[in-house]
């Protein structure tokens, strides 16, 4: 039961962030290659819509209030938290850079991890950018599987966990199999310096941090979409396509690091 709970929490906050990554649009697809996303089957759509409605209620009752409270923290605290979480994210991005053959990106992210973890005091300060090592896009195992040619499989919505595909769910489980160094030193091995509570807290905080940055964006999407479920589905699939193909045309959303736009 404890292991099952660990897996659920792990997928929860990785999928939670993906739910809102494209929330800054009005539901229109911005990427020109729409054919690839339209071919993904929405298995059990009627069930998915019911689960989606449940998740929306959960968001309004829990995640949105937490995000609003988080927004009341001083800007330097939020920026430092975001930087530290981004630094931890490199522990997943780097191996996926390597698996996708992105040797240069892997080198840059490795240097960023070392510099920010030391001179940046655990990643609180983005010292690496000061030295010209700008932050690159995140990579995950779902993207790697897509790069290797694996199809999405069915699109579906999980209770609490949110929108996903068969491929992305398998990619998320790769962390539990040892693909996330932060997971390994906290949950899998429960080392002297860290324990599983540190991991789950960081995942929870990551979800809240991202939700807080997209409060207005998602509210706008919700108020302007005729069919919010269909909009989220399209935005989720087009965002995954953009990341897998490294397309420069990003979905319109708030910059993760630009708190000034929010404040």
Protein backbone atom coordinates (compact mmCIF):
# COMPACT_ATOMS: atom_id res chain seq x y z
CA UNK A 1 0.00 0.00 0.00
CA UNK A 2 2.84 2.39 0.83
CA UNK A 3 4.47 1.71 -2.54
CA UNK A 4 1.18 2.26 -4.34
CA UNK A 5 0.72 5.58 -2.54
CA UNK A 6 4.22 6.61 -3.60
CA UNK A 7 3.46 5.88 -7.24
CA UNK A 8 0.16 7.78 -7.13
CA UNK A 9 1.77 10.86 -5.57
CA UNK A 10 4.59 10.73 -8.09
CA UNK A 11 2.34 10.71 -11.13
CA UNK A 12 -0.09 13.20 -9.56
CA UNK A 13 2.20 16.17 -9.54
CA UNK A 14 3.97 15.39 -12.79
CA UNK A 15 0.60 15.23 -14.57
CA UNK A 16 -0.82 18.16 -12.58
CA UNK A 17 1.76 20.51 -14.05
CA UNK A 18 1.09 19.29 -17.57
CA UNK A 19 -2.61 20.05 -17.10
CA UNK A 20 -1.88 23.77 -16.80
CA UNK A 21 1.17 24.12 -19.00
CA UNK A 22 -0.92 25.30 -21.93
CA UNK A 23 -3.57 27.13 -19.97
CA UNK A 24 -2.62 30.52 -21.37
CA UNK A 25 -4.53 30.11 -24.61
CA UNK A 26 -8.19 30.47 -25.48
CA UNK A 27 -8.40 26.84 -26.51
CA UNK A 28 -7.22 27.39 -30.10
CA UNK A 29 -4.36 25.25 -31.38
CA UNK A 30 -1.33 27.38 -32.13
CA UNK A 31 0.86 24.67 -33.64
CA UNK A 32 0.41 24.23 -37.38
CA UNK A 33 0.70 20.44 -37.34
CA UNK A 34 -2.76 19.69 -35.95
CA UNK A 35 -3.06 16.35 -37.69
CA UNK A 36 -0.79 14.59 -35.23
CA UNK A 37 -2.89 15.58 -32.22
CA UNK A 38 -6.25 14.90 -33.85
CA UNK A 39 -5.24 11.29 -34.51
CA UNK A 40 -4.91 10.50 -30.80
CA UNK A 41 -7.94 8.51 -29.72
CA UNK A 42 -9.97 9.72 -26.75
CA UNK A 43 -10.82 6.34 -25.28
CA UNK A 44 -13.94 6.25 -23.10
CA UNK A 45 -14.68 9.95 -23.63
CA UNK A 46 -17.91 9.92 -21.63
CA UNK A 47 -16.08 8.46 -18.61
CA UNK A 48 -13.19 10.87 -19.14
CA UNK A 49 -15.55 13.84 -19.04
CA UNK A 50 -16.99 12.69 -15.73
CA UNK A 51 -13.53 12.30 -14.22
CA UNK A 52 -12.52 15.67 -15.66
CA UNK A 53 -15.48 17.32 -13.89
CA UNK A 54 -14.42 15.66 -10.62
CA UNK A 55 -10.85 16.92 -11.05
CA UNK A 56 -12.11 20.44 -11.73
CA UNK A 57 -14.01 20.37 -8.46
CA UNK A 58 -10.90 19.13 -6.68
CA UNK A 59 -8.86 21.93 -8.17
CA UNK A 60 -11.34 24.58 -7.04
CA UNK A 61 -11.53 23.10 -3.54
CA UNK A 62 -7.85 22.44 -2.91
CA UNK A 63 -5.23 23.43 -5.47
CA UNK A 64 -6.54 26.84 -6.48
CA UNK A 65 -6.88 28.08 -2.85
CA UNK A 66 -3.37 26.78 -2.10
CA UNK A 67 -2.05 28.57 -5.18
CA UNK A 68 -3.72 31.83 -4.13
CA UNK A 69 -2.16 31.55 -0.68
CA UNK A 70 1.23 30.86 -2.24
CA UNK A 71 0.88 34.00 -4.34
CA UNK A 72 0.77 36.05 -1.13
CA UNK A 73 4.35 35.09 -0.27
CA UNK A 74 7.04 37.70 -1.03
CA UNK A 75 8.27 37.66 -4.61
CA UNK A 76 11.89 36.73 -3.69
CA UNK A 77 10.59 33.69 -1.78
CA UNK A 78 8.54 32.53 -4.76
CA UNK A 79 11.39 33.12 -7.22
CA UNK A 80 13.85 31.26 -5.02
CA UNK A 81 11.44 28.37 -4.64
CA UNK A 82 10.85 28.21 -8.38
CA UNK A 83 14.60 28.27 -9.05
CA UNK A 84 15.25 25.47 -6.58
CA UNK A 85 12.49 23.31 -8.05
CA UNK A 86 13.77 23.94 -11.57
CA UNK A 87 17.24 22.92 -10.43
CA UNK A 88 15.88 19.62 -9.10
CA UNK A 89 14.12 19.10 -12.41
CA UNK A 90 17.49 18.81 -14.12
CA UNK A 91 17.94 15.45 -12.41
CA UNK A 92 15.28 14.12 -14.79
CA UNK A 93 16.06 16.38 -17.74
CA UNK A 94 19.75 15.44 -18.00
CA UNK A 95 19.31 11.67 -18.47
CA UNK A 96 16.57 12.34 -21.01
CA UNK A 97 18.84 14.77 -22.87
CA UNK A 98 21.31 11.90 -23.15
CA UNK A 99 18.68 9.35 -24.18
CA UNK A 100 17.51 11.73 -26.93
CA UNK A 101 21.04 12.36 -28.17
CA UNK A 102 21.07 15.98 -26.98
CA UNK A 103 24.68 15.92 -25.82
CA UNK A 104 25.15 19.69 -25.80
CA UNK A 105 21.95 20.27 -23.82
CA UNK A 106 22.95 17.54 -21.36
CA UNK A 107 26.30 19.27 -20.82
CA UNK A 108 24.71 22.67 -20.28
CA UNK A 109 22.12 21.30 -17.87
CA UNK A 110 24.80 19.36 -15.98
CA UNK A 111 26.86 22.52 -15.54
CA UNK A 112 23.75 24.42 -14.47
CA UNK A 113 22.98 21.74 -11.89
CA UNK A 114 26.48 21.82 -10.42
CA UNK A 115 26.80 25.61 -10.37
CA UNK A 116 23.33 26.35 -9.01
CA UNK A 117 23.51 23.55 -6.44
CA UNK A 118 26.75 24.99 -5.04
CA UNK A 119 27.16 28.70 -5.76
CA UNK A 120 23.38 29.07 -6.05
CA UNK A 121 22.81 27.52 -2.61
CA UNK A 122 20.79 24.50 -3.59
CA UNK A 123 19.41 26.21 -6.68
CA UNK A 124 17.73 29.09 -4.88
CA UNK A 125 19.73 31.52 -7.00
CA UNK A 126 20.17 30.98 -10.75
CA UNK A 127 23.89 31.77 -10.82
CA UNK A 128 24.41 29.68 -13.96
CA UNK A 129 22.39 32.12 -16.06
CA UNK A 130 24.71 34.90 -14.88
CA UNK A 131 27.57 32.96 -16.46
CA UNK A 132 25.70 32.58 -19.75
CA UNK A 133 24.24 29.11 -19.19
CA UNK A 134 20.59 29.86 -19.86
CA UNK A 135 17.87 27.48 -18.73
CA UNK A 136 16.73 25.03 -21.40
CA UNK A 137 13.43 23.24 -21.89
CA UNK A 138 12.58 20.41 -19.54
CA UNK A 139 12.70 16.84 -20.83
CA UNK A 140 10.98 13.76 -19.43
CA UNK A 141 10.67 10.06 -20.20
CA UNK A 142 7.37 10.50 -22.01
CA UNK A 143 9.09 12.89 -24.40
CA UNK A 144 11.95 10.45 -24.84
CA UNK A 145 9.56 7.63 -25.74
CA UNK A 146 7.92 9.97 -28.25
CA UNK A 147 11.30 10.85 -29.73
CA UNK A 148 12.03 7.15 -30.10
CA UNK A 149 8.86 6.76 -32.15
CA UNK A 150 6.41 5.36 -29.62
CA UNK A 151 2.84 6.45 -30.29
CA UNK A 152 0.69 8.23 -27.71
CA UNK A 153 -1.81 5.43 -27.30
CA UNK A 154 -5.19 6.45 -25.93
CA UNK A 155 -5.79 9.82 -24.35
CA UNK A 156 -7.53 9.47 -21.02
CA UNK A 157 -8.19 11.33 -17.79
CA UNK A 158 -7.34 9.84 -14.42
CA UNK A 159 -9.03 10.73 -11.12
CA UNK A 160 -6.90 13.38 -9.38
CA UNK A 161 -3.99 12.62 -11.73
CA UNK A 162 -5.46 14.50 -14.68
CA UNK A 163 -4.96 14.19 -18.46
CA UNK A 164 -2.41 11.79 -19.86
CA UNK A 165 -1.77 9.23 -22.56
CA UNK A 166 -0.61 5.64 -22.33
CA UNK A 167 2.87 6.71 -23.39
CA UNK A 168 3.14 9.58 -20.91
CA UNK A 169 1.91 7.40 -18.04
CA UNK A 170 4.59 4.82 -18.80
CA UNK A 171 7.11 7.64 -18.95
CA UNK A 172 6.04 8.90 -15.52
CA UNK A 173 6.46 5.44 -14.03
CA UNK A 174 10.07 5.41 -15.25
CA UNK A 175 10.90 7.67 -12.30
CA UNK A 176 9.81 4.95 -9.91
CA UNK A 177 12.00 2.48 -11.78
CA UNK A 178 15.06 4.60 -11.00
CA UNK A 179 14.96 7.30 -13.62
CA UNK A 180 14.84 10.18 -11.14
CA UNK A 181 17.94 10.66 -8.99
CA UNK A 182 15.99 12.83 -6.53
CA UNK A 183 13.46 10.01 -6.11
CA UNK A 184 16.30 7.53 -5.60
CA UNK A 185 17.97 9.43 -2.75
CA UNK A 186 14.72 10.26 -0.98
CA UNK A 187 12.10 7.55 -1.47
CA UNK A 188 13.92 4.54 -2.90
CA UNK A 189 16.94 4.67 -0.57
CA UNK A 190 15.78 7.04 2.18
CA UNK A 191 19.30 8.34 2.77
CA UNK A 192 20.71 9.89 5.90
CA UNK A 193 20.22 13.42 4.64
CA UNK A 194 16.89 13.11 2.84
CA UNK A 195 13.75 11.04 3.22
CA UNK A 196 10.60 10.41 1.21
CA UNK A 197 8.80 13.35 2.83
CA UNK A 198 11.30 15.68 1.17
CA UNK A 199 10.47 14.23 -2.23
CA UNK A 200 6.71 14.41 -1.90
CA UNK A 201 6.87 17.92 -0.47
CA UNK A 202 8.98 19.06 -3.44
CA UNK A 203 6.45 17.54 -5.87
CA UNK A 204 3.54 19.15 -4.06
CA UNK A 205 5.31 22.51 -3.97
CA UNK A 206 6.15 22.22 -7.66
CA UNK A 207 2.48 21.74 -8.53
CA UNK A 208 1.39 24.66 -6.37
CA UNK A 209 4.14 26.88 -7.76
CA UNK A 210 3.08 26.20 -11.34
CA UNK A 211 -0.63 26.56 -10.56
CA UNK A 212 0.02 29.91 -8.91
CA UNK A 213 1.80 31.20 -12.01
CA UNK A 214 -1.18 30.31 -14.20
CA UNK A 215 -4.16 31.41 -12.13
CA UNK A 216 -5.29 34.11 -14.54
CA UNK A 217 -4.42 32.05 -17.61
CA UNK A 218 -6.56 29.11 -16.62
CA UNK A 219 -9.41 31.34 -15.44
CA UNK A 220 -9.37 33.01 -18.87
CA UNK A 221 -9.40 29.66 -20.64
CA UNK A 222 -12.26 28.44 -18.47
CA UNK A 223 -14.37 31.53 -19.10
CA UNK A 224 -13.83 31.68 -22.87
CA UNK A 225 -13.95 27.99 -23.83
CA UNK A 226 -17.22 26.61 -25.12
CA UNK A 227 -16.02 23.10 -24.23
CA UNK A 228 -13.33 23.25 -21.55
CA UNK A 229 -12.74 19.50 -21.66
CA UNK A 230 -12.02 19.57 -25.40
CA UNK A 231 -9.80 22.65 -25.02
CA UNK A 232 -7.69 21.04 -22.30
CA UNK A 233 -7.41 17.83 -24.31
CA UNK A 234 -6.23 19.71 -27.42
CA UNK A 235 -3.82 21.90 -25.48
CA UNK A 236 -2.37 18.93 -23.60
CA UNK A 237 -1.75 16.99 -26.81
CA UNK A 238 -0.33 19.93 -28.75
CA UNK A 239 1.98 20.83 -25.87
CA UNK A 240 3.33 17.29 -25.73
CA UNK A 241 3.81 17.34 -29.52
CA UNK A 242 5.68 20.63 -29.30
CA UNK A 243 8.01 19.30 -26.62
CA UNK A 244 8.70 16.00 -28.35
CA UNK A 245 9.48 17.66 -31.70
CA UNK A 246 11.23 20.64 -30.07
CA UNK A 247 9.01 23.03 -32.01
CA UNK A 248 9.80 26.68 -31.34
CA UNK A 249 6.14 27.72 -31.64
CA UNK A 250 5.18 27.51 -27.99
CA UNK A 251 1.66 27.44 -26.69
CA UNK A 252 0.73 30.84 -25.30
CA UNK A 253 1.25 30.66 -21.57
CA UNK A 254 2.86 32.61 -18.81
CA UNK A 255 6.62 32.26 -18.53
CA UNK A 256 7.49 29.99 -15.62
CA UNK A 257 10.02 32.44 -14.31
CA UNK A 258 8.40 35.78 -15.10
CA UNK A 259 6.73 36.75 -11.83
CA UNK A 260 6.72 40.37 -12.89
CA UNK A 261 3.97 39.59 -15.43
CA UNK A 262 1.85 38.30 -12.60
CA UNK A 263 2.68 40.89 -9.98
